[in-house]
């Protein structure tokens, strides 16, 4: 069975590959080889976003890779995301058209609202800031943004729409007001932040959950002494040794075995290929119990920064969340 046959089914009936290639922080001179390698390995899913700042490079690389491999555009599931500065309903269509132009596509398979909170629109800045370095926010409600997202489906510019970084109450709020239900919720999810309750919630509402940072994003800009080490964790290392697999493969298998889509980022052909070798074994019930016993720790929340641009930490050495005071900040809820 090829990678493309391991899928989750969206409420639209579309098949979304369980394994995708993440493109966050992929550099222009690395993307071409990464995408060619991924398609040749069997990947048929790319995860992109406007804020990554590289969609034009992804578009060029994808065009070349499709020509080189003979794979059709219709065979590749492509996701992008609406950034926080474009939540005003009048900005949603232009934002999508910009991503389509950069990606050199006629449509997306999936378009997500990147976060429930909005930033002010200021001079084309992705991260508009006050003189003290704090973010300039907007109070646009995500349900108003969602109505504009529904219009994109009506125009056949994307086949499905969804959410990212929303908590379950916010998802319910969207469902309650929606004409078109969210197909996907993308959130941080890894062996240290397993999201069991949110997965159950999504499954009960016919929503597919996608795990970003499934390998804990070791190259993220914010890392702290209190963060766990995925690749050095004794329990994960023991499970990997038992199956003659890498810790990364165990972490990715943990997701797909639960029906969770996972999008590890890599630009190294060796790791891209290794990350795909997760469908030839299964974790045992004891393996799952061992992973579920790991101490819960969230690592994907951007920190607030001081005037010196260094992260602000609380008395326990934990980062202070950048957007915690926004009325639509999602992470005060347990899930």
C-alpha atoms as a PDB file:
ATOM      1  CA  UNK A   1       0.000   0.000   0.000  1.00  0.00           C
ATOM      2  CA  UNK A   2       1.428   3.396  -1.013  1.00  0.00           C
ATOM      3  CA  UNK A   3       1.574   6.450   1.259  1.00  0.00           C
ATOM      4  CA  UNK A   4      -1.310   8.044  -0.646  1.00  0.00           C
ATOM      5  CA  UNK A   5      -3.613   5.203   0.386  1.00  0.00           C
ATOM      6  CA  UNK A   6      -3.233   5.994   4.097  1.00  0.00           C
ATOM      7  CA  UNK A   7      -5.832   8.721   4.465  1.00  0.00           C
ATOM      8  CA  UNK A   8      -8.410  10.373   6.678  1.00  0.00           C
ATOM      9  CA  UNK A   9     -11.789  11.105   5.121  1.00  0.00           C
ATOM     10  CA  UNK A  10     -13.110  14.647   5.398  1.00  0.00           C
ATOM     11  CA  UNK A  11     -16.833  15.333   5.786  1.00  0.00           C
ATOM     12  CA  UNK A  12     -16.723  16.495   2.155  1.00  0.00           C
ATOM     13  CA  UNK A  13     -15.766  12.970   1.121  1.00  0.00           C
ATOM     14  CA  UNK A  14     -12.250  14.040   0.165  1.00  0.00           C
ATOM     15  CA  UNK A  15      -9.317  11.862   1.182  1.00  0.00           C
ATOM     16  CA  UNK A  16      -6.583  13.651   3.143  1.00  0.00           C
ATOM     17  CA  UNK A  17      -3.237  11.780   3.364  1.00  0.00           C
ATOM     18  CA  UNK A  18      -2.318  10.984   6.954  1.00  0.00           C
ATOM     19  CA  UNK A  19       1.289  12.011   6.329  1.00  0.00           C
ATOM     20  CA  UNK A  20       2.217  15.391   4.874  1.00  0.00           C
ATOM     21  CA  UNK A  21       5.299  17.513   4.469  1.00  0.00           C
ATOM     22  CA  UNK A  22       5.373  20.649   6.620  1.00  0.00           C
ATOM     23  CA  UNK A  23       6.998  23.743   5.109  1.00  0.00           C
ATOM     24  CA  UNK A  24       7.334  26.090   8.096  1.00  0.00           C
ATOM     25  CA  UNK A  25      10.872  27.560   8.241  1.00  0.00           C
ATOM     26  CA  UNK A  26      11.863  25.822   4.987  1.00  0.00           C
ATOM     27  CA  UNK A  27      14.308  28.118   3.213  1.00  0.00           C
ATOM     28  CA  UNK A  28      14.105  29.091  -0.442  1.00  0.00           C
ATOM     29  CA  UNK A  29      17.251  27.179  -1.396  1.00  0.00           C
ATOM     30  CA  UNK A  30      16.053  24.028   0.398  1.00  0.00           C
ATOM     31  CA  UNK A  31      12.448  23.753  -0.716  1.00  0.00           C
ATOM     32  CA  UNK A  32      12.998  22.442  -4.231  1.00  0.00           C
ATOM     33  CA  UNK A  33      14.920  19.321  -3.173  1.00  0.00           C
ATOM     34  CA  UNK A  34      12.577  18.752  -0.212  1.00  0.00           C
ATOM     35  CA  UNK A  35       9.426  18.741  -2.325  1.00  0.00           C
ATOM     36  CA  UNK A  36      10.958  16.656  -5.117  1.00  0.00           C
ATOM     37  CA  UNK A  37      12.199  14.153  -2.531  1.00  0.00           C
ATOM     38  CA  UNK A  38       8.829  14.054  -0.801  1.00  0.00           C
ATOM     39  CA  UNK A  39       6.869  13.406  -3.986  1.00  0.00           C
ATOM     40  CA  UNK A  40       9.337  10.765  -5.135  1.00  0.00           C
ATOM     41  CA  UNK A  41       9.082   9.083  -1.722  1.00  0.00           C
ATOM     42  CA  UNK A  42       5.300   8.951  -2.042  1.00  0.00           C
ATOM     43  CA  UNK A  43       4.067  12.000  -0.129  1.00  0.00           C
ATOM     44  CA  UNK A  44       0.911  13.509  -1.599  1.00  0.00           C
ATOM     45  CA  UNK A  45       0.267  16.218   0.992  1.00  0.00           C
ATOM     46  CA  UNK A  46       1.914  19.620   1.514  1.00  0.00           C
ATOM     47  CA  UNK A  47       1.141  21.964   4.403  1.00  0.00           C
ATOM     48  CA  UNK A  48       1.763  25.655   3.717  1.00  0.00           C
ATOM     49  CA  UNK A  49       0.841  29.061   5.148  1.00  0.00           C
ATOM     50  CA  UNK A  50       1.073  32.686   4.072  1.00  0.00           C
ATOM     51  CA  UNK A  51       2.955  33.662   7.243  1.00  0.00           C
ATOM     52  CA  UNK A  52       5.742  31.172   6.478  1.00  0.00           C
ATOM     53  CA  UNK A  53       6.901  33.659   3.853  1.00  0.00           C
ATOM     54  CA  UNK A  54       7.908  30.964   1.379  1.00  0.00           C
ATOM     55  CA  UNK A  55       4.768  30.104  -0.606  1.00  0.00           C
ATOM     56  CA  UNK A  56       6.236  31.593  -3.798  1.00  0.00           C
ATOM     57  CA  UNK A  57       9.219  29.262  -3.433  1.00  0.00           C
ATOM     58  CA  UNK A  58       6.947  26.311  -2.644  1.00  0.00           C
ATOM     59  CA  UNK A  59       4.960  27.125  -5.789  1.00  0.00           C
ATOM     60  CA  UNK A  60       8.056  27.125  -7.989  1.00  0.00           C
ATOM     61  CA  UNK A  61       9.311  23.914  -6.402  1.00  0.00           C
ATOM     62  CA  UNK A  62       5.949  22.184  -6.707  1.00  0.00           C
ATOM     63  CA  UNK A  63       5.635  23.131 -10.389  1.00  0.00           C
ATOM     64  CA  UNK A  64       9.072  21.689 -11.084  1.00  0.00           C
ATOM     65  CA  UNK A  65       8.475  18.582  -8.974  1.00  0.00           C
ATOM     66  CA  UNK A  66       5.171  17.776 -10.690  1.00  0.00           C
ATOM     67  CA  UNK A  67       6.804  18.117 -14.105  1.00  0.00           C
ATOM     68  CA  UNK A  68       9.762  15.982 -13.040  1.00  0.00           C
ATOM     69  CA  UNK A  69       7.712  13.184 -11.487  1.00  0.00           C
ATOM     70  CA  UNK A  70       4.690  13.207 -13.806  1.00  0.00           C
ATOM     71  CA  UNK A  71       2.389  13.452 -10.788  1.00  0.00           C
ATOM     72  CA  UNK A  72      -0.837  15.385 -11.407  1.00  0.00           C
ATOM     73  CA  UNK A  73      -1.837  18.407  -9.323  1.00  0.00           C
ATOM     74  CA  UNK A  74      -5.082  16.601  -8.466  1.00  0.00           C
ATOM     75  CA  UNK A  75      -3.073  13.855  -6.771  1.00  0.00           C
ATOM     76  CA  UNK A  76      -1.512  16.210  -4.199  1.00  0.00           C
ATOM     77  CA  UNK A  77      -3.462  17.546  -1.201  1.00  0.00           C
ATOM     78  CA  UNK A  78      -2.382  21.126  -0.541  1.00  0.00           C
ATOM     79  CA  UNK A  79      -3.240  23.185   2.526  1.00  0.00           C
ATOM     80  CA  UNK A  80      -2.636  26.864   3.233  1.00  0.00           C
ATOM     81  CA  UNK A  81      -3.713  29.216   6.003  1.00  0.00           C
ATOM     82  CA  UNK A  82      -5.242  32.672   6.355  1.00  0.00           C
ATOM     83  CA  UNK A  83      -2.955  34.868   8.444  1.00  0.00           C
ATOM     84  CA  UNK A  84      -4.076  36.902  11.451  1.00  0.00           C
ATOM     85  CA  UNK A  85      -3.855  40.297   9.699  1.00  0.00           C
ATOM     86  CA  UNK A  86      -6.402  39.224   7.070  1.00  0.00           C
ATOM     87  CA  UNK A  87      -9.402  38.317   9.248  1.00  0.00           C
ATOM     88  CA  UNK A  88     -11.604  41.167   8.057  1.00  0.00           C
ATOM     89  CA  UNK A  89     -14.184  39.517   5.774  1.00  0.00           C
ATOM     90  CA  UNK A  90     -13.191  41.822   2.900  1.00  0.00           C
ATOM     91  CA  UNK A  91      -9.579  40.635   3.139  1.00  0.00           C
ATOM     92  CA  UNK A  92     -10.224  36.885   3.052  1.00  0.00           C
ATOM     93  CA  UNK A  93     -10.667  36.492  -0.719  1.00  0.00           C
ATOM     94  CA  UNK A  94      -7.625  38.659  -1.606  1.00  0.00           C
ATOM     95  CA  UNK A  95      -5.543  36.692   0.918  1.00  0.00           C
ATOM     96  CA  UNK A  96      -6.468  33.374  -0.666  1.00  0.00           C
ATOM     97  CA  UNK A  97      -5.863  34.704  -4.168  1.00  0.00           C
ATOM     98  CA  UNK A  98      -2.390  35.824  -3.077  1.00  0.00           C
ATOM     99  CA  UNK A  99      -1.595  32.335  -1.760  1.00  0.00           C
ATOM    100  CA  UNK A 100      -2.943  30.740  -4.945  1.00  0.00           C
ATOM    101  CA  UNK A 101      -0.830  33.046  -7.082  1.00  0.00           C
ATOM    102  CA  UNK A 102       2.284  32.352  -5.018  1.00  0.00           C
ATOM    103  CA  UNK A 103       1.666  28.599  -5.070  1.00  0.00           C
ATOM    104  CA  UNK A 104       0.799  28.716  -8.792  1.00  0.00           C
ATOM    105  CA  UNK A 105      -2.486  26.908  -8.168  1.00  0.00           C
ATOM    106  CA  UNK A 106      -6.096  27.288  -9.250  1.00  0.00           C
ATOM    107  CA  UNK A 107      -7.487  25.942  -5.976  1.00  0.00           C
ATOM    108  CA  UNK A 108      -6.536  24.652  -2.545  1.00  0.00           C
ATOM    109  CA  UNK A 109      -7.677  21.361  -1.094  1.00  0.00           C
ATOM    110  CA  UNK A 110      -7.904  22.957   2.347  1.00  0.00           C
ATOM    111  CA  UNK A 111      -7.757  26.530   3.682  1.00  0.00           C
ATOM    112  CA  UNK A 112      -7.516  27.155   7.418  1.00  0.00           C
ATOM    113  CA  UNK A 113      -7.929  30.177   9.680  1.00  0.00           C
ATOM    114  CA  UNK A 114      -4.465  30.163  11.248  1.00  0.00           C
ATOM    115  CA  UNK A 115      -5.553  31.490  14.671  1.00  0.00           C
ATOM    116  CA  UNK A 116      -8.844  32.566  16.265  1.00  0.00           C
ATOM    117  CA  UNK A 117      -7.481  36.010  17.183  1.00  0.00           C
ATOM    118  CA  UNK A 118      -6.768  38.760  14.654  1.00  0.00           C
ATOM    119  CA  UNK A 119      -3.953  41.260  14.245  1.00  0.00           C
ATOM    120  CA  UNK A 120      -4.385  44.783  12.926  1.00  0.00           C
ATOM    121  CA  UNK A 121      -3.725  45.335   9.235  1.00  0.00           C
ATOM    122  CA  UNK A 122      -0.800  47.756   9.030  1.00  0.00           C
ATOM    123  CA  UNK A 123       1.444  48.467   6.050  1.00  0.00           C
ATOM    124  CA  UNK A 124       1.524  44.815   4.979  1.00  0.00           C
ATOM    125  CA  UNK A 125       3.269  43.761   8.181  1.00  0.00           C
ATOM    126  CA  UNK A 126       2.728  40.168   9.300  1.00  0.00           C
ATOM    127  CA  UNK A 127       3.438  41.115  12.930  1.00  0.00           C
ATOM    128  CA  UNK A 128       2.241  44.716  13.451  1.00  0.00           C
ATOM    129  CA  UNK A 129       3.714  46.094  16.682  1.00  0.00           C
ATOM    130  CA  UNK A 130       3.368  48.987  19.061  1.00  0.00           C
ATOM    131  CA  UNK A 131       6.466  51.010  20.012  1.00  0.00           C
ATOM    132  CA  UNK A 132       6.905  48.807  23.092  1.00  0.00           C
ATOM    133  CA  UNK A 133       7.082  45.689  20.942  1.00  0.00           C
ATOM    134  CA  UNK A 134       3.611  44.337  21.754  1.00  0.00           C
ATOM    135  CA  UNK A 135       1.313  43.162  18.974  1.00  0.00           C
ATOM    136  CA  UNK A 136      -1.364  45.504  17.601  1.00  0.00           C
ATOM    137  CA  UNK A 137      -4.546  43.440  17.674  1.00  0.00           C
ATOM    138  CA  UNK A 138      -7.905  43.592  15.945  1.00  0.00           C
ATOM    139  CA  UNK A 139     -11.264  42.596  17.437  1.00  0.00           C
ATOM    140  CA  UNK A 140     -12.659  40.938  14.274  1.00  0.00           C
ATOM    141  CA  UNK A 141     -14.671  37.913  15.388  1.00  0.00           C
ATOM    142  CA  UNK A 142     -13.568  34.606  13.891  1.00  0.00           C
ATOM    143  CA  UNK A 143     -17.163  33.707  13.015  1.00  0.00           C
ATOM    144  CA  UNK A 144     -17.334  36.749  10.739  1.00  0.00           C
ATOM    145  CA  UNK A 145     -14.117  35.554   9.126  1.00  0.00           C
ATOM    146  CA  UNK A 146     -15.634  32.094   8.770  1.00  0.00           C
ATOM    147  CA  UNK A 147     -18.561  33.406   6.738  1.00  0.00           C
ATOM    148  CA  UNK A 148     -16.084  34.817   4.227  1.00  0.00           C
ATOM    149  CA  UNK A 149     -14.238  31.487   4.203  1.00  0.00           C
ATOM    150  CA  UNK A 150     -17.485  29.763   3.212  1.00  0.00           C
ATOM    151  CA  UNK A 151     -17.661  32.051   0.194  1.00  0.00           C
ATOM    152  CA  UNK A 152     -14.315  30.682  -1.006  1.00  0.00           C
ATOM    153  CA  UNK A 153     -15.825  27.208  -1.203  1.00  0.00           C
ATOM    154  CA  UNK A 154     -18.802  28.604  -3.096  1.00  0.00           C
ATOM    155  CA  UNK A 155     -16.366  30.032  -5.657  1.00  0.00           C
ATOM    156  CA  UNK A 156     -14.507  26.678  -5.942  1.00  0.00           C
ATOM    157  CA  UNK A 157     -11.265  28.330  -4.831  1.00  0.00           C
ATOM    158  CA  UNK A 158     -10.835  25.761  -2.070  1.00  0.00           C
ATOM    159  CA  UNK A 159     -12.484  22.397  -1.593  1.00  0.00           C
ATOM    160  CA  UNK A 160     -12.637  22.449   2.190  1.00  0.00           C
ATOM    161  CA  UNK A 161     -12.128  24.928   5.016  1.00  0.00           C
ATOM    162  CA  UNK A 162     -11.010  24.503   8.580  1.00  0.00           C
ATOM    163  CA  UNK A 163      -9.415  25.939  11.682  1.00  0.00           C
ATOM    164  CA  UNK A 164      -6.046  26.028  13.401  1.00  0.00           C
ATOM    165  CA  UNK A 165      -5.255  26.663  17.079  1.00  0.00           C
ATOM    166  CA  UNK A 166      -8.923  26.924  18.091  1.00  0.00           C
ATOM    167  CA  UNK A 167     -10.093  25.381  21.373  1.00  0.00           C
ATOM    168  CA  UNK A 168     -13.152  23.128  21.436  1.00  0.00           C
ATOM    169  CA  UNK A 169     -15.481  25.889  22.612  1.00  0.00           C
ATOM    170  CA  UNK A 170     -14.429  28.097  19.732  1.00  0.00           C
ATOM    171  CA  UNK A 171     -14.890  25.223  17.296  1.00  0.00           C
ATOM    172  CA  UNK A 172     -18.410  24.694  18.645  1.00  0.00           C
ATOM    173  CA  UNK A 173     -19.067  28.413  18.223  1.00  0.00           C
ATOM    174  CA  UNK A 174     -18.101  28.173  14.550  1.00  0.00           C
ATOM    175  CA  UNK A 175     -20.153  24.996  14.027  1.00  0.00           C
ATOM    176  CA  UNK A 176     -23.198  26.622  15.599  1.00  0.00           C
ATOM    177  CA  UNK A 177     -23.065  29.564  13.190  1.00  0.00           C
ATOM    178  CA  UNK A 178     -21.648  27.814  10.127  1.00  0.00           C
ATOM    179  CA  UNK A 179     -23.306  27.027   6.827  1.00  0.00           C
ATOM    180  CA  UNK A 180     -20.266  24.880   5.932  1.00  0.00           C
ATOM    181  CA  UNK A 181     -18.803  22.899   8.829  1.00  0.00           C
ATOM    182  CA  UNK A 182     -15.048  22.915   9.528  1.00  0.00           C
ATOM    183  CA  UNK A 183     -13.414  19.886   7.954  1.00  0.00           C
ATOM    184  CA  UNK A 184     -10.100  20.005   9.849  1.00  0.00           C
ATOM    185  CA  UNK A 185      -8.640  21.372  13.078  1.00  0.00           C
ATOM    186  CA  UNK A 186      -4.854  21.759  13.085  1.00  0.00           C
ATOM    187  CA  UNK A 187      -3.157  22.020  16.490  1.00  0.00           C
ATOM    188  CA  UNK A 188       0.088  21.281  18.301  1.00  0.00           C
ATOM    189  CA  UNK A 189       0.182  17.563  19.044  1.00  0.00           C
ATOM    190  CA  UNK A 190       3.091  15.267  19.957  1.00  0.00           C
ATOM    191  CA  UNK A 191       3.993  12.617  22.554  1.00  0.00           C
ATOM    192  CA  UNK A 192       4.277  15.293  25.258  1.00  0.00           C
ATOM    193  CA  UNK A 193       1.073  17.082  24.268  1.00  0.00           C
ATOM    194  CA  UNK A 194      -1.234  14.314  23.143  1.00  0.00           C
ATOM    195  CA  UNK A 195      -4.573  16.152  22.843  1.00  0.00           C
ATOM    196  CA  UNK A 196      -6.684  13.093  23.703  1.00  0.00           C
ATOM    197  CA  UNK A 197      -9.773  15.111  24.660  1.00  0.00           C
ATOM    198  CA  UNK A 198      -9.565  17.321  21.600  1.00  0.00           C
ATOM    199  CA  UNK A 199      -9.138  14.290  19.320  1.00  0.00           C
ATOM    200  CA  UNK A 200     -12.236  12.667  20.837  1.00  0.00           C
ATOM    201  CA  UNK A 201     -14.140  15.936  20.452  1.00  0.00           C
ATOM    202  CA  UNK A 202     -13.141  16.255  16.792  1.00  0.00           C
ATOM    203  CA  UNK A 203     -14.025  12.667  15.985  1.00  0.00           C
ATOM    204  CA  UNK A 204     -17.448  13.125  17.590  1.00  0.00           C
ATOM    205  CA  UNK A 205     -18.112  16.113  15.304  1.00  0.00           C
ATOM    206  CA  UNK A 206     -16.763  14.635  12.086  1.00  0.00           C
ATOM    207  CA  UNK A 207     -13.656  16.834  12.100  1.00  0.00           C
ATOM    208  CA  UNK A 208     -10.198  15.518  11.204  1.00  0.00           C
ATOM    209  CA  UNK A 209      -7.409  16.605  13.545  1.00  0.00           C
ATOM    210  CA  UNK A 210      -3.984  17.490  12.121  1.00  0.00           C
ATOM    211  CA  UNK A 211      -0.906  17.475  14.351  1.00  0.00           C
ATOM    212  CA  UNK A 212       1.647  20.200  13.768  1.00  0.00           C
ATOM    213  CA  UNK A 213       5.051  20.021  15.482  1.00  0.00           C
ATOM    214  CA  UNK A 214       4.658  16.230  15.842  1.00  0.00           C
ATOM    215  CA  UNK A 215       8.402  16.034  16.537  1.00  0.00           C
ATOM    216  CA  UNK A 216       8.307  19.013  18.932  1.00  0.00           C
ATOM    217  CA  UNK A 217       9.874  21.391  16.400  1.00  0.00           C
ATOM    218  CA  UNK A 218      13.413  21.284  17.725  1.00  0.00           C
ATOM    219  CA  UNK A 219      14.457  24.299  15.621  1.00  0.00           C
ATOM    220  CA  UNK A 220      11.741  26.614  16.957  1.00  0.00           C
ATOM    221  CA  UNK A 221      12.906  30.082  17.920  1.00  0.00           C
ATOM    222  CA  UNK A 222      11.792  29.620  21.521  1.00  0.00           C
ATOM    223  CA  UNK A 223      13.334  26.756  23.521  1.00  0.00           C
ATOM    224  CA  UNK A 224      13.662  26.612  27.283  1.00  0.00           C
ATOM    225  CA  UNK A 225      15.400  24.559  29.929  1.00  0.00           C
ATOM    226  CA  UNK A 226      12.043  23.215  31.082  1.00  0.00           C
ATOM    227  CA  UNK A 227      11.219  21.706  27.654  1.00  0.00           C
ATOM    228  CA  UNK A 228      11.435  17.910  27.355  1.00  0.00           C
ATOM    229  CA  UNK A 229      13.780  16.252  24.862  1.00  0.00           C
ATOM    230  CA  UNK A 230      11.804  14.101  22.426  1.00  0.00           C
ATOM    231  CA  UNK A 231      14.799  12.294  20.967  1.00  0.00           C
ATOM    232  CA  UNK A 232      16.419  11.691  24.345  1.00  0.00           C
ATOM    233  CA  UNK A 233      13.349  10.473  26.207  1.00  0.00           C
ATOM    234  CA  UNK A 234      14.067   7.011  27.719  1.00  0.00           C
ATOM    235  CA  UNK A 235      10.543   5.631  27.188  1.00  0.00           C
ATOM    236  CA  UNK A 236      10.437   6.672  23.554  1.00  0.00           C
ATOM    237  CA  UNK A 237      13.949   5.359  23.002  1.00  0.00           C
ATOM    238  CA  UNK A 238      12.981   1.972  24.474  1.00  0.00           C
ATOM    239  CA  UNK A 239       9.906   1.737  22.234  1.00  0.00           C
ATOM    240  CA  UNK A 240      12.001   2.697  19.206  1.00  0.00           C
ATOM    241  CA  UNK A 241      14.582   0.035  20.007  1.00  0.00           C
ATOM    242  CA  UNK A 242      11.848  -2.580  20.426  1.00  0.00           C
ATOM    243  CA  UNK A 243      10.490  -1.887  16.933  1.00  0.00           C
ATOM    244  CA  UNK A 244      13.888  -1.226  15.312  1.00  0.00           C
ATOM    245  CA  UNK A 245      12.657   2.261  14.449  1.00  0.00           C
ATOM    246  CA  UNK A 246      13.751   5.805  15.232  1.00  0.00           C
ATOM    247  CA  UNK A 247      12.159   7.953  17.938  1.00  0.00           C
ATOM    248  CA  UNK A 248      10.804  10.183  15.175  1.00  0.00           C
ATOM    249  CA  UNK A 249       9.079   7.210  13.551  1.00  0.00           C
ATOM    250  CA  UNK A 250       7.542   6.221  16.891  1.00  0.00           C
ATOM    251  CA  UNK A 251       6.231   9.772  17.428  1.00  0.00           C
ATOM    252  CA  UNK A 252       4.715   9.895  13.936  1.00  0.00           C
ATOM    253  CA  UNK A 253       3.271   6.393  14.167  1.00  0.00           C
ATOM    254  CA  UNK A 254       1.616   7.425  17.441  1.00  0.00           C
ATOM    255  CA  UNK A 255      -0.362  10.024  15.503  1.00  0.00           C
ATOM    256  CA  UNK A 256      -1.413   8.116  12.404  1.00  0.00           C
ATOM    257  CA  UNK A 257      -2.375   5.053  14.454  1.00  0.00           C
ATOM    258  CA  UNK A 258      -4.894   7.318  16.215  1.00  0.00           C
ATOM    259  CA  UNK A 259      -6.251   8.592  12.888  1.00  0.00           C
ATOM    260  CA  UNK A 260      -4.470  11.925  13.314  1.00  0.00           C
ATOM    261  CA  UNK A 261      -2.947  13.573  10.232  1.00  0.00           C
ATOM    262  CA  UNK A 262       0.664  14.568  10.849  1.00  0.00           C
ATOM    263  CA  UNK A 263       2.869  17.062   8.995  1.00  0.00           C
ATOM    264  CA  UNK A 264       6.539  16.809  10.054  1.00  0.00           C
ATOM    265  CA  UNK A 265       8.779  19.467   8.515  1.00  0.00           C
ATOM    266  CA  UNK A 266      12.069  18.429   6.984  1.00  0.00           C
ATOM    267  CA  UNK A 267      14.239  19.575   4.101  1.00  0.00           C
ATOM    268  CA  UNK A 268      16.622  16.615   4.322  1.00  0.00           C
ATOM    269  CA  UNK A 269      15.802  13.809   1.848  1.00  0.00           C
ATOM    270  CA  UNK A 270      17.065  11.162   4.284  1.00  0.00           C
ATOM    271  CA  UNK A 271      14.685  12.298   7.040  1.00  0.00           C
ATOM    272  CA  UNK A 272      11.802  12.862   4.614  1.00  0.00           C
ATOM    273  CA  UNK A 273      12.138   9.234   3.540  1.00  0.00           C
ATOM    274  CA  UNK A 274      12.578   7.952   7.094  1.00  0.00           C
ATOM    275  CA  UNK A 275       9.494   9.855   8.290  1.00  0.00           C
ATOM    276  CA  UNK A 276       7.456   8.003   5.662  1.00  0.00           C
ATOM    277  CA  UNK A 277       8.421   4.572   6.972  1.00  0.00           C
ATOM    278  CA  UNK A 278       5.694   4.461   9.618  1.00  0.00           C
ATOM    279  CA  UNK A 279       3.059   2.278   7.986  1.00  0.00           C
ATOM    280  CA  UNK A 280       4.877  -1.057   8.209  1.00  0.00           C
ATOM    281  CA  UNK A 281       4.470  -1.566  11.967  1.00  0.00           C
ATOM    282  CA  UNK A 282       2.024  -0.900  14.808  1.00  0.00           C
ATOM    283  CA  UNK A 283       2.446   0.269  18.369  1.00  0.00           C
ATOM    284  CA  UNK A 284       1.179  -2.130  21.014  1.00  0.00           C
ATOM    285  CA  UNK A 285      -1.310  -1.188  23.710  1.00  0.00           C
ATOM    286  CA  UNK A 286       1.581  -1.092  26.160  1.00  0.00           C
ATOM    287  CA  UNK A 287       3.516   1.223  23.828  1.00  0.00           C
ATOM    288  CA  UNK A 288       0.538   3.575  23.746  1.00  0.00           C
ATOM    289  CA  UNK A 289       0.261   3.453  27.540  1.00  0.00           C
ATOM    290  CA  UNK A 290       3.945   4.305  27.895  1.00  0.00           C
ATOM    291  CA  UNK A 291       3.624   7.285  25.563  1.00  0.00           C
ATOM    292  CA  UNK A 292       0.432   8.413  27.300  1.00  0.00           C
ATOM    293  CA  UNK A 293       2.251   8.365  30.645  1.00  0.00           C
ATOM    294  CA  UNK A 294       4.759  11.033  29.550  1.00  0.00           C
ATOM    295  CA  UNK A 295       4.458  14.311  31.414  1.00  0.00           C
ATOM    296  CA  UNK A 296       2.242  16.740  29.521  1.00  0.00           C
ATOM    297  CA  UNK A 297       4.086  19.780  28.221  1.00  0.00           C
ATOM    298  CA  UNK A 298       3.022  22.317  25.594  1.00  0.00           C
ATOM    299  CA  UNK A 299       5.805  23.926  23.561  1.00  0.00           C
ATOM    300  CA  UNK A 300       4.165  25.601  20.568  1.00  0.00           C
ATOM    301  CA  UNK A 301       2.865  28.862  22.043  1.00  0.00           C
ATOM    302  CA  UNK A 302       4.785  31.959  20.897  1.00  0.00           C
ATOM    303  CA  UNK A 303       6.210  33.873  23.878  1.00  0.00           C
ATOM    304  CA  UNK A 304       5.826  37.533  24.704  1.00  0.00           C
ATOM    305  CA  UNK A 305       9.039  39.474  24.193  1.00  0.00           C
ATOM    306  CA  UNK A 306      10.536  42.475  25.963  1.00  0.00           C
ATOM    307  CA  UNK A 307      12.089  45.598  24.427  1.00  0.00           C
ATOM    308  CA  UNK A 308      15.321  43.603  23.968  1.00  0.00           C
ATOM    309  CA  UNK A 309      13.366  41.082  21.840  1.00  0.00           C
ATOM    310  CA  UNK A 310      14.085  38.325  24.362  1.00  0.00           C
ATOM    311  CA  UNK A 311      11.236  36.044  25.577  1.00  0.00           C
ATOM    312  CA  UNK A 312       9.584  36.989  28.863  1.00  0.00           C
ATOM    313  CA  UNK A 313       9.558  34.215  31.472  1.00  0.00           C
ATOM    314  CA  UNK A 314       7.501  33.769  34.625  1.00  0.00           C
ATOM    315  CA  UNK A 315       8.941  32.954  38.071  1.00  0.00           C
ATOM    316  CA  UNK A 316       9.123  29.259  37.142  1.00  0.00           C
ATOM    317  CA  UNK A 317      11.111  29.839  33.969  1.00  0.00           C
ATOM    318  CA  UNK A 318       8.100  29.212  31.740  1.00  0.00           C
ATOM    319  CA  UNK A 319       7.445  31.531  28.784  1.00  0.00           C
ATOM    320  CA  UNK A 320       4.638  34.089  29.098  1.00  0.00           C
ATOM    321  CA  UNK A 321       2.303  33.618  26.101  1.00  0.00           C
ATOM    322  CA  UNK A 322       2.412  36.508  23.660  1.00  0.00           C
ATOM    323  CA  UNK A 323      -1.321  36.690  22.942  1.00  0.00           C
ATOM    324  CA  UNK A 324      -2.735  35.671  26.322  1.00  0.00           C
ATOM    325  CA  UNK A 325      -4.686  38.895  26.869  1.00  0.00           C
ATOM    326  CA  UNK A 326      -6.581  38.804  23.569  1.00  0.00           C
ATOM    327  CA  UNK A 327     -10.285  38.100  24.072  1.00  0.00           C
ATOM    328  CA  UNK A 328     -10.102  35.191  21.598  1.00  0.00           C
ATOM    329  CA  UNK A 329      -6.882  33.670  22.943  1.00  0.00           C
ATOM    330  CA  UNK A 330      -7.614  29.904  22.770  1.00  0.00           C
ATOM    331  CA  UNK A 331      -5.247  28.260  25.206  1.00  0.00           C
ATOM    332  CA  UNK A 332      -6.826  29.143  28.527  1.00  0.00           C
ATOM    333  CA  UNK A 333      -9.213  26.246  27.982  1.00  0.00           C
ATOM    334  CA  UNK A 334      -7.948  22.739  28.820  1.00  0.00           C
ATOM    335  CA  UNK A 335      -8.638  21.633  25.240  1.00  0.00           C
END
